C-alpha atoms as a PDB file:
ATOM      1  CA  MET A   1      13.547 -13.776  13.339  1.00  0.00           C
ATOM      2  CA  ALA A   2      15.123 -11.273  10.941  1.00  0.00           C
ATOM      3  CA  GLU A   3      13.418  -7.909  10.566  1.00  0.00           C
ATOM      4  CA  ILE A   4      11.079  -7.538   7.623  1.00  0.00           C
ATOM      5  CA  ARG A   5      12.267  -4.653   5.456  1.00  0.00           C
ATOM      6  CA  VAL A   6       9.428  -2.389   4.321  1.00  0.00           C
ATOM      7  CA  ALA A   7       9.314  -0.090   1.290  1.00  0.00           C
ATOM      8  CA  ILE A   8       6.661   2.617   1.000  1.00  0.00           C
ATOM      9  CA  ALA A   9       5.456   3.651  -2.452  1.00  0.00           C
ATOM     10  CA  GLY A  10       3.968   7.117  -2.053  1.00  0.00           C
ATOM     11  CA  LEU A  11       4.320   9.602   0.807  1.00  0.00           C
ATOM     12  CA  GLY A  12       0.830  11.049   0.906  1.00  0.00           C
ATOM     13  CA  ALA A  13      -1.487  10.897   3.916  1.00  0.00           C
ATOM     14  CA  ILE A  14      -1.222   7.109   4.286  1.00  0.00           C
ATOM     15  CA  GLY A  15       2.452   6.759   3.402  1.00  0.00           C
ATOM     16  CA  ARG A  16       3.478   9.439   5.880  1.00  0.00           C
ATOM     17  CA  THR A  17       1.569   7.768   8.703  1.00  0.00           C
ATOM     18  CA  LEU A  18       3.282   4.477   7.912  1.00  0.00           C
ATOM     19  CA  ALA A  19       6.726   6.076   7.673  1.00  0.00           C
ATOM     20  CA  ARG A  20       6.349   7.786  11.044  1.00  0.00           C
ATOM     21  CA  SER A  21       5.122   4.626  12.750  1.00  0.00           C
ATOM     22  CA  LEU A  22       7.859   2.437  11.276  1.00  0.00           C
ATOM     23  CA  ASN A  23      10.484   5.025  12.143  1.00  0.00           C
ATOM     24  CA  ASP A  24       9.233   5.135  15.736  1.00  0.00           C
ATOM     25  CA  GLY A  25       9.742   1.377  15.847  1.00  0.00           C
ATOM     26  CA  ILE A  26       7.541  -1.675  15.370  1.00  0.00           C
ATOM     27  CA  PRO A  27       8.995  -5.017  16.501  1.00  0.00           C
ATOM     28  CA  GLY A  28      10.033  -7.183  13.556  1.00  0.00           C
ATOM     29  CA  LEU A  29       9.714  -4.388  10.981  1.00  0.00           C
ATOM     30  CA  ALA A  30      12.159  -1.859   9.553  1.00  0.00           C
ATOM     31  CA  LEU A  31      11.606   1.068   7.204  1.00  0.00           C
ATOM     32  CA  ALA A  32      13.948   0.306   4.305  1.00  0.00           C
ATOM     33  CA  CYS A  33      13.160   2.876   1.613  1.00  0.00           C
ATOM     34  CA  ALA A  34      10.451   4.930  -0.030  1.00  0.00           C
ATOM     35  CA  ALA A  35       9.504   6.377  -3.403  1.00  0.00           C
ATOM     36  CA  ALA A  36       7.552   9.523  -4.216  1.00  0.00           C
ATOM     37  CA  GLY A  37       6.434  11.422  -7.282  1.00  0.00           C
ATOM     38  CA  ASP A  38       7.806  14.711  -5.947  1.00  0.00           C
ATOM     39  CA  ARG A  39      11.195  13.638  -4.644  1.00  0.00           C
ATOM     40  CA  ALA A  40      12.274  17.057  -3.366  1.00  0.00           C
ATOM     41  CA  LYS A  41       9.053  17.510  -1.397  1.00  0.00           C
ATOM     42  CA  ALA A  42       9.327  13.993   0.017  1.00  0.00           C
ATOM     43  CA  GLN A  43      12.940  14.517   1.073  1.00  0.00           C
ATOM     44  CA  SER A  44      12.050  17.790   2.763  1.00  0.00           C
ATOM     45  CA  TRP A  45       9.299  16.059   4.738  1.00  0.00           C
ATOM     46  CA  LEU A  46      11.557  13.156   5.739  1.00  0.00           C
ATOM     47  CA  ASP A  47      14.218  15.586   6.934  1.00  0.00           C
ATOM     48  CA  ALA A  48      11.666  17.556   8.960  1.00  0.00           C
ATOM     49  CA  GLN A  49      10.494  14.328  10.596  1.00  0.00           C
ATOM     50  CA  ASN A  50      14.059  13.138  11.266  1.00  0.00           C
ATOM     51  CA  ILE A  51      13.381   9.975   9.286  1.00  0.00           C
ATOM     52  CA  ALA A  52      16.481   8.496   7.714  1.00  0.00           C
ATOM     53  CA  CYS A  53      15.060   6.677   4.717  1.00  0.00           C
ATOM     54  CA  PRO A  54      16.555   6.543   1.212  1.00  0.00           C
ATOM     55  CA  LEU A  55      14.325   7.671  -1.645  1.00  0.00           C
ATOM     56  CA  VAL A  56      14.711   5.285  -4.573  1.00  0.00           C
ATOM     57  CA  GLU A  57      13.020   4.387  -7.838  1.00  0.00           C
ATOM     58  CA  LEU A  58      10.135   1.913  -7.700  1.00  0.00           C
ATOM     59  CA  GLU A  59      12.084  -0.526  -9.852  1.00  0.00           C
ATOM     60  CA  ASP A  60      14.807  -0.647  -7.173  1.00  0.00           C
ATOM     61  CA  PHE A  61      12.524  -1.725  -4.324  1.00  0.00           C
ATOM     62  CA  PRO A  62      13.594  -5.410  -4.498  1.00  0.00           C
ATOM     63  CA  LYS A  63      17.200  -4.398  -3.685  1.00  0.00           C
ATOM     64  CA  TYR A  64      16.105  -2.827  -0.408  1.00  0.00           C
ATOM     65  CA  ALA A  65      12.902  -4.445   0.802  1.00  0.00           C
ATOM     66  CA  ASP A  66      11.028  -7.674   1.470  1.00  0.00           C
ATOM     67  CA  ILE A  67       7.593  -6.079   1.151  1.00  0.00           C
ATOM     68  CA  ALA A  68       6.366  -2.943  -0.617  1.00  0.00           C
ATOM     69  CA  ILE A  69       3.309  -0.998   0.514  1.00  0.00           C
ATOM     70  CA  GLU A  70       1.395   0.606  -2.357  1.00  0.00           C
ATOM     71  CA  CYS A  71       0.140   4.010  -1.201  1.00  0.00           C
ATOM     72  CA  ALA A  72       0.280   5.651  -4.610  1.00  0.00           C
ATOM     73  CA  PRO A  73      -2.194   6.456  -7.393  1.00  0.00           C
ATOM     74  CA  SER A  74      -3.550   3.277  -8.948  1.00  0.00           C
ATOM     75  CA  SER A  75      -1.810   4.152 -12.227  1.00  0.00           C
ATOM     76  CA  ALA A  76       1.510   3.259 -10.558  1.00  0.00           C
ATOM     77  CA  LEU A  77       0.416  -0.239  -9.529  1.00  0.00           C
ATOM     78  CA  GLU A  78       2.257  -2.081 -12.300  1.00  0.00           C
ATOM     79  CA  ARG A  79       5.565  -0.307 -11.592  1.00  0.00           C
ATOM     80  CA  ILE A  80       5.263  -1.113  -7.902  1.00  0.00           C
ATOM     81  CA  CYS A  81       4.132  -4.721  -8.185  1.00  0.00           C
ATOM     82  CA  ARG A  82       6.055  -6.192 -11.089  1.00  0.00           C
ATOM     83  CA  PRO A  83       9.642  -5.782  -9.818  1.00  0.00           C
ATOM     84  CA  MET A  84       8.754  -7.083  -6.369  1.00  0.00           C
ATOM     85  CA  LEU A  85       6.709 -10.039  -7.606  1.00  0.00           C
ATOM     86  CA  GLU A  86       9.338 -11.014 -10.173  1.00  0.00           C
ATOM     87  CA  ALA A  87      11.819 -11.088  -7.288  1.00  0.00           C
ATOM     88  CA  GLY A  88       9.525 -13.421  -5.341  1.00  0.00           C
ATOM     89  CA  LYS A  89       8.658 -10.757  -2.788  1.00  0.00           C
ATOM     90  CA  GLN A  90       5.484  -9.311  -1.326  1.00  0.00           C
ATOM     91  CA  VAL A  91       3.346  -6.289  -2.166  1.00  0.00           C
ATOM     92  CA  MET A  92       0.565  -4.903   0.006  1.00  0.00           C
ATOM     93  CA  VAL A  93      -1.980  -3.276  -2.310  1.00  0.00           C
ATOM     94  CA  LEU A  94      -4.354  -0.554  -1.154  1.00  0.00           C
ATOM     95  CA  SER A  95      -5.668   0.241  -4.649  1.00  0.00           C
ATOM     96  CA  ALA A  96      -7.524  -3.063  -4.720  1.00  0.00           C
ATOM     97  CA  GLY A  97      -9.713  -1.846  -7.564  1.00  0.00           C
ATOM     98  CA  ALA A  98      -6.673  -1.677  -9.827  1.00  0.00           C
ATOM     99  CA  LEU A  99      -6.117  -5.404  -9.305  1.00  0.00           C
ATOM    100  CA  LEU A 100      -9.425  -6.359 -10.910  1.00  0.00           C
ATOM    101  CA  PRO A 101      -8.385  -5.707 -14.545  1.00  0.00           C
ATOM    102  CA  ARG A 102      -4.881  -7.082 -13.878  1.00  0.00           C
ATOM    103  CA  PRO A 103      -5.205 -10.824 -13.113  1.00  0.00           C
ATOM    104  CA  ASP A 104      -1.766 -11.230 -14.699  1.00  0.00           C
ATOM    105  CA  LEU A 105      -0.236  -9.786 -11.520  1.00  0.00           C
ATOM    106  CA  THR A 106      -1.638 -12.716  -9.558  1.00  0.00           C
ATOM    107  CA  ASP A 107      -0.233 -15.066 -12.189  1.00  0.00           C
ATOM    108  CA  LEU A 108       3.139 -13.333 -11.861  1.00  0.00           C
ATOM    109  CA  ALA A 109       3.111 -13.783  -8.091  1.00  0.00           C
ATOM    110  CA  LYS A 110       2.303 -17.457  -8.487  1.00  0.00           C
ATOM    111  CA  LYS A 111       5.045 -17.971 -11.074  1.00  0.00           C
ATOM    112  CA  HIS A 112       7.822 -16.414  -8.985  1.00  0.00           C
ATOM    113  CA  GLY A 113       6.672 -17.266  -5.467  1.00  0.00           C
ATOM    114  CA  GLY A 114       5.656 -13.683  -4.713  1.00  0.00           C
ATOM    115  CA  ARG A 115       2.558 -12.609  -2.846  1.00  0.00           C
ATOM    116  CA  ILE A 116      -0.075  -9.880  -3.104  1.00  0.00           C
ATOM    117  CA  LEU A 117      -1.702  -8.840   0.170  1.00  0.00           C
ATOM    118  CA  VAL A 118      -4.867  -6.733   0.386  1.00  0.00           C
ATOM    119  CA  PRO A 119      -5.459  -5.318   3.876  1.00  0.00           C
ATOM    120  CA  THR A 120      -8.942  -4.839   5.299  1.00  0.00           C
ATOM    121  CA  GLY A 121      -8.502  -1.101   4.847  1.00  0.00           C
ATOM    122  CA  ALA A 122     -11.584   1.046   5.433  1.00  0.00           C
ATOM    123  CA  LEU A 123     -14.007  -1.866   5.519  1.00  0.00           C
ATOM    124  CA  LEU A 124     -14.744  -4.531   8.077  1.00  0.00           C
ATOM    125  CA  GLY A 125     -15.976  -8.088   8.059  1.00  0.00           C
ATOM    126  CA  LEU A 126     -13.700  -9.433   5.319  1.00  0.00           C
ATOM    127  CA  ASP A 127     -12.847 -12.377   7.578  1.00  0.00           C
ATOM    128  CA  ALA A 128     -16.542 -13.237   7.810  1.00  0.00           C
ATOM    129  CA  VAL A 129     -17.025 -12.849   4.059  1.00  0.00           C
ATOM    130  CA  ALA A 130     -13.993 -15.036   3.293  1.00  0.00           C
ATOM    131  CA  ALA A 131     -15.288 -17.662   5.720  1.00  0.00           C
ATOM    132  CA  ALA A 132     -18.751 -17.598   4.134  1.00  0.00           C
ATOM    133  CA  ALA A 133     -17.136 -17.994   0.704  1.00  0.00           C
ATOM    134  CA  GLU A 134     -15.852 -21.397   1.798  1.00  0.00           C
ATOM    135  CA  GLY A 135     -19.520 -22.366   1.628  1.00  0.00           C
ATOM    136  CA  HIS A 136     -22.029 -20.690  -0.697  1.00  0.00           C
ATOM    137  CA  ILE A 137     -22.739 -16.959  -0.769  1.00  0.00           C
ATOM    138  CA  HIS A 138     -26.002 -15.985  -2.408  1.00  0.00           C
ATOM    139  CA  SER A 139     -25.493 -12.220  -2.532  1.00  0.00           C
ATOM    140  CA  VAL A 140     -23.255  -9.384  -1.376  1.00  0.00           C
ATOM    141  CA  ARG A 141     -24.388  -5.765  -1.438  1.00  0.00           C
ATOM    142  CA  MET A 142     -22.524  -2.701  -0.271  1.00  0.00           C
ATOM    143  CA  ILE A 143     -23.888   0.782   0.372  1.00  0.00           C
ATOM    144  CA  THR A 144     -21.405   3.649   0.559  1.00  0.00           C
ATOM    145  CA  ARG A 145     -22.199   7.179   1.680  1.00  0.00           C
ATOM    146  CA  LYS A 146     -19.523   9.849   1.487  1.00  0.00           C
ATOM    147  CA  PRO A 147     -19.383  13.622   1.885  1.00  0.00           C
ATOM    148  CA  PRO A 148     -19.666  15.030  -1.647  1.00  0.00           C
ATOM    149  CA  ASN A 149     -16.082  16.362  -1.665  1.00  0.00           C
ATOM    150  CA  GLY A 150     -14.863  12.809  -1.071  1.00  0.00           C
ATOM    151  CA  LEU A 151     -16.268  11.830  -4.475  1.00  0.00           C
ATOM    152  CA  LYS A 152     -15.395  14.902  -6.536  1.00  0.00           C
ATOM    153  CA  GLY A 153     -13.213  14.226  -9.534  1.00  0.00           C
ATOM    154  CA  ALA A 154     -14.241  10.573  -9.911  1.00  0.00           C
ATOM    155  CA  PRO A 155     -14.062   9.545 -13.597  1.00  0.00           C
ATOM    156  CA  TYR A 156     -17.607   8.135 -13.507  1.00  0.00           C
ATOM    157  CA  LEU A 157     -19.038  11.447 -12.310  1.00  0.00           C
ATOM    158  CA  GLU A 158     -17.136  13.434 -14.922  1.00  0.00           C
ATOM    159  CA  LYS A 159     -18.021  11.050 -17.753  1.00  0.00           C
ATOM    160  CA  ASN A 160     -21.717  11.178 -16.882  1.00  0.00           C
ATOM    161  CA  ALA A 161     -21.769  14.890 -16.011  1.00  0.00           C
ATOM    162  CA  ILE A 162     -22.938  14.194 -12.462  1.00  0.00           C
ATOM    163  CA  CYS A 163     -22.436  17.216 -10.204  1.00  0.00           C
ATOM    164  CA  VAL A 164     -22.095  16.803  -6.440  1.00  0.00           C
ATOM    165  CA  ASP A 165     -21.555  20.482  -5.633  1.00  0.00           C
ATOM    166  CA  ASP A 166     -24.007  22.319  -3.372  1.00  0.00           C
ATOM    167  CA  LEU A 167     -26.123  19.264  -2.597  1.00  0.00           C
ATOM    168  CA  THR A 168     -28.802  19.762   0.058  1.00  0.00           C
ATOM    169  CA  GLN A 169     -29.835  16.114   0.245  1.00  0.00           C
ATOM    170  CA  ALA A 170     -28.309  12.706  -0.429  1.00  0.00           C
ATOM    171  CA  LYS A 171     -27.900  11.783  -4.089  1.00  0.00           C
ATOM    172  CA  ARG A 172     -27.269   8.281  -5.393  1.00  0.00           C
ATOM    173  CA  VAL A 173     -24.549   8.682  -7.988  1.00  0.00           C
ATOM    174  CA  PHE A 174     -23.903   5.041  -8.860  1.00  0.00           C
ATOM    175  CA  SER A 175     -25.504   1.601  -8.681  1.00  0.00           C
ATOM    176  CA  GLY A 176     -23.830  -1.404 -10.239  1.00  0.00           C
ATOM    177  CA  SER A 177     -21.156  -4.051  -9.900  1.00  0.00           C
ATOM    178  CA  ALA A 178     -17.921  -3.816  -7.951  1.00  0.00           C
ATOM    179  CA  ARG A 179     -15.983  -4.063 -11.202  1.00  0.00           C
ATOM    180  CA  GLU A 180     -17.815  -1.068 -12.683  1.00  0.00           C
ATOM    181  CA  ALA A 181     -17.440   0.904  -9.458  1.00  0.00           C
ATOM    182  CA  ALA A 182     -13.705   0.228  -9.247  1.00  0.00           C
ATOM    183  CA  ALA A 183     -13.253   1.549 -12.786  1.00  0.00           C
ATOM    184  CA  GLY A 184     -15.461   4.593 -12.263  1.00  0.00           C
ATOM    185  CA  PHE A 185     -14.252   5.534  -8.784  1.00  0.00           C
ATOM    186  CA  PRO A 186     -10.605   4.347  -8.627  1.00  0.00           C
ATOM    187  CA  ALA A 187      -9.693   6.552  -5.661  1.00  0.00           C
ATOM    188  CA  ASN A 188     -12.942   6.248  -3.728  1.00  0.00           C
ATOM    189  CA  VAL A 189     -14.216   2.679  -3.366  1.00  0.00           C
ATOM    190  CA  ASN A 190     -11.258   0.304  -3.236  1.00  0.00           C
ATOM    191  CA  VAL A 191     -13.175  -1.193  -0.327  1.00  0.00           C
ATOM    192  CA  VAL A 192     -15.724  -2.808  -2.641  1.00  0.00           C
ATOM    193  CA  ALA A 193     -12.950  -4.349  -4.732  1.00  0.00           C
ATOM    194  CA  ALA A 194     -11.465  -5.889  -1.583  1.00  0.00           C
ATOM    195  CA  LEU A 195     -14.924  -7.102  -0.580  1.00  0.00           C
ATOM    196  CA  SER A 196     -15.427  -8.731  -3.979  1.00  0.00           C
ATOM    197  CA  LEU A 197     -12.037 -10.464  -3.845  1.00  0.00           C
ATOM    198  CA  ALA A 198     -12.864 -11.859  -0.396  1.00  0.00           C
ATOM    199  CA  GLY A 199     -16.268 -13.111  -1.497  1.00  0.00           C
ATOM    200  CA  ILE A 200     -18.086 -13.813  -4.763  1.00  0.00           C
ATOM    201  CA  GLY A 201     -16.105 -11.736  -7.218  1.00  0.00           C
ATOM    202  CA  PRO A 202     -16.400  -8.275  -8.777  1.00  0.00           C
ATOM    203  CA  ASP A 203     -19.278  -9.043 -11.136  1.00  0.00           C
ATOM    204  CA  ARG A 204     -21.679 -10.473  -8.544  1.00  0.00           C
ATOM    205  CA  THR A 205     -20.824  -8.030  -5.759  1.00  0.00           C
ATOM    206  CA  VAL A 206     -22.993  -4.916  -6.115  1.00  0.00           C
ATOM    207  CA  ILE A 207     -22.720  -1.418  -4.671  1.00  0.00           C
ATOM    208  CA  ASP A 208     -24.745   1.775  -4.342  1.00  0.00           C
ATOM    209  CA  ILE A 209     -22.717   4.975  -3.911  1.00  0.00           C
ATOM    210  CA  TRP A 210     -24.290   8.081  -2.389  1.00  0.00           C
ATOM    211  CA  ALA A 211     -22.989  11.631  -2.166  1.00  0.00           C
ATOM    212  CA  ASP A 212     -24.490  12.727   1.133  1.00  0.00           C
ATOM    213  CA  PRO A 213     -24.010  16.259   2.514  1.00  0.00           C
ATOM    214  CA  SER A 214     -25.438  15.177   5.878  1.00  0.00           C
ATOM    215  CA  VAL A 215     -22.480  12.895   6.689  1.00  0.00           C
ATOM    216  CA  THR A 216     -18.984  13.909   7.748  1.00  0.00           C
ATOM    217  CA  ARG A 217     -17.532  10.414   7.632  1.00  0.00           C
ATOM    218  CA  ASN A 218     -17.056   7.778   4.938  1.00  0.00           C
ATOM    219  CA  CYS A 219     -19.849   5.301   5.687  1.00  0.00           C
ATOM    220  CA  HIS A 220     -19.950   1.731   4.408  1.00  0.00           C
ATOM    221  CA  THR A 221     -22.537  -0.992   5.016  1.00  0.00           C
ATOM    222  CA  ILE A 222     -22.256  -4.523   3.677  1.00  0.00           C
ATOM    223  CA  GLU A 223     -25.102  -7.036   3.542  1.00  0.00           C
ATOM    224  CA  VAL A 224     -24.296 -10.694   2.974  1.00  0.00           C
ATOM    225  CA  GLU A 225     -26.667 -13.603   2.440  1.00  0.00           C
ATOM    226  CA  ALA A 226     -25.011 -17.037   2.554  1.00  0.00           C
ATOM    227  CA  ASP A 227     -25.891 -20.622   3.349  1.00  0.00           C
ATOM    228  CA  SER A 228     -23.847 -20.360   6.561  1.00  0.00           C
ATOM    229  CA  ALA A 229     -24.931 -16.921   7.812  1.00  0.00           C
ATOM    230  CA  ARG A 230     -26.763 -13.718   7.107  1.00  0.00           C
ATOM    231  CA  PHE A 231     -25.029 -10.568   8.304  1.00  0.00           C
ATOM    232  CA  SER A 232     -24.978  -6.816   7.940  1.00  0.00           C
ATOM    233  CA  LEU A 233     -22.004  -4.730   9.049  1.00  0.00           C
ATOM    234  CA  SER A 234     -21.545  -0.961   9.089  1.00  0.00           C
ATOM    235  CA  ILE A 235     -18.595   1.340   9.655  1.00  0.00           C
ATOM    236  CA  GLU A 236     -18.185   5.125   9.701  1.00  0.00           C
ATOM    237  CA  ASN A 237     -14.614   6.197   8.979  1.00  0.00           C
ATOM    238  CA  VAL A 238     -13.104   9.557   9.877  1.00  0.00           C
ATOM    239  CA  PRO A 239     -11.501  10.997   6.705  1.00  0.00           C
ATOM    240  CA  SER A 240      -7.730  11.499   6.674  1.00  0.00           C
ATOM    241  CA  ASP A 241      -6.006  14.604   5.300  1.00  0.00           C
ATOM    242  CA  ASN A 242      -7.089  13.164   1.957  1.00  0.00           C
ATOM    243  CA  PRO A 243     -10.932  13.245   2.053  1.00  0.00           C
ATOM    244  CA  LYS A 244     -11.098  10.250  -0.289  1.00  0.00           C
ATOM    245  CA  THR A 245      -9.398   8.033   2.328  1.00  0.00           C
ATOM    246  CA  GLY A 246     -10.246   7.212   5.947  1.00  0.00           C
ATOM    247  CA  LYS A 247      -7.733   7.467   8.797  1.00  0.00           C
ATOM    248  CA  ILE A 248      -8.289   3.802   9.569  1.00  0.00           C
ATOM    249  CA  VAL A 249      -6.706   2.713   6.252  1.00  0.00           C
ATOM    250  CA  ALA A 250      -3.144   3.417   7.409  1.00  0.00           C
ATOM    251  CA  LEU A 251      -3.888   1.762  10.758  1.00  0.00           C
ATOM    252  CA  SER A 252      -5.185  -1.295   8.925  1.00  0.00           C
ATOM    253  CA  VAL A 253      -1.891  -1.528   7.024  1.00  0.00           C
ATOM    254  CA  LEU A 254       0.079  -1.307  10.269  1.00  0.00           C
ATOM    255  CA  ALA A 255      -2.074  -4.069  11.791  1.00  0.00           C
ATOM    256  CA  ALA A 256      -1.503  -6.255   8.730  1.00  0.00           C
ATOM    257  CA  LEU A 257       2.262  -5.623   8.875  1.00  0.00           C
ATOM    258  CA  ARG A 258       2.394  -6.595  12.548  1.00  0.00           C
ATOM    259  CA  LYS A 259       0.740  -9.910  11.693  1.00  0.00           C
ATOM    260  CA  LEU A 260       3.582 -10.811   9.338  1.00  0.00           C
ATOM    261  CA  SER A 261       5.915 -11.556  12.249  1.00  0.00           C
ATOM    262  CA  ALA A 262       3.576 -11.750  15.239  1.00  0.00           C
ATOM    263  CA  PRO A 263       3.837 -14.821  17.525  1.00  0.00           C
ATOM    264  CA  LEU A 264       0.040 -14.651  17.941  1.00  0.00           C
ATOM    265  CA  ARG A 265      -2.138 -13.878  14.960  1.00  0.00           C
ATOM    266  CA  VAL A 266      -5.848 -13.211  15.442  1.00  0.00           C
ATOM    267  CA  GLY A 267      -8.201 -13.371  12.469  1.00  0.00           C
ATOM    268  CA  THR A 268      -8.307 -15.366   9.270  1.00  0.00           C
END
C-alpha cells in the first residue's frame, strides 16, 4: 500500500507533536508538508528538530498531500478545507466547532468525493454515542471543568464581561447548547461539537462549562440517555503547552492516522 502523505496546517503544540512523530516514522504515513502563520519561526523550529518538511501555502496542500490535519485557529478552516475537498482529498478537523456553521463544507466533500474526519480528540465515548444514535438518543449532556486560565480570552466571557481571574471556587460560566458553546468558546470546547456530531446534533446536545481553580486538568463528563443504553463517561486531560488543549488531542490524531492504513482497525 502506498504511503499516505500528510500535511500539517499549523505548527503549534499539536502540530509540532504530529510533525515529530511523523518524522520519526509511522508505518504507512509520510510527512509531506506544513503551513504556519509565522513561516520564519516555523522554519527555525523544523531546522532545530532536523525535520525536512517544505513549508507551503494552504492552497497548495493538494499538490503535496492526501490528507491535511487542521491544527490552526478555527478562522483558517475554510482555507485549509476547501482546496483539499475540491481535490477529492481528506481533511482531519480538530476545530470541530467551526464545522457547525459551515455545512457547505460537508456538501463540498460529498460533491467532489472528499472526506472530513473528526478525531475523538480530548473526549471519549464517541463510538458509544455514534452507536446509540443508530437507535434513539433521548438526551446528551456534557459538563466541562477547566482551570480558569484555560478559558481566558473566550469570546463569550469577554462579551458578557465574565471574569475568571482570582477565583477561589468553581464558577459556572456557561450553560446552553453545543452550537452556542462552539460559537462562544471556539478554542476551548471543540469536544462538545464533536460529541454533537456523533449524536443528536448541536442544538439538542447541552453543556455546562465551569472555571474551576481546584482542577489542574481539563475535565469532561458526558451523560447519555438512549433507548439502547444509559452511560456516563469522564476524562481528565493533562493540558499541553497550550492550556486550552489537552496533550491527548495530538495522540488522538496520531491514533486516527494509524487507522487509515492499519490492517486491523479497532473501534467504530
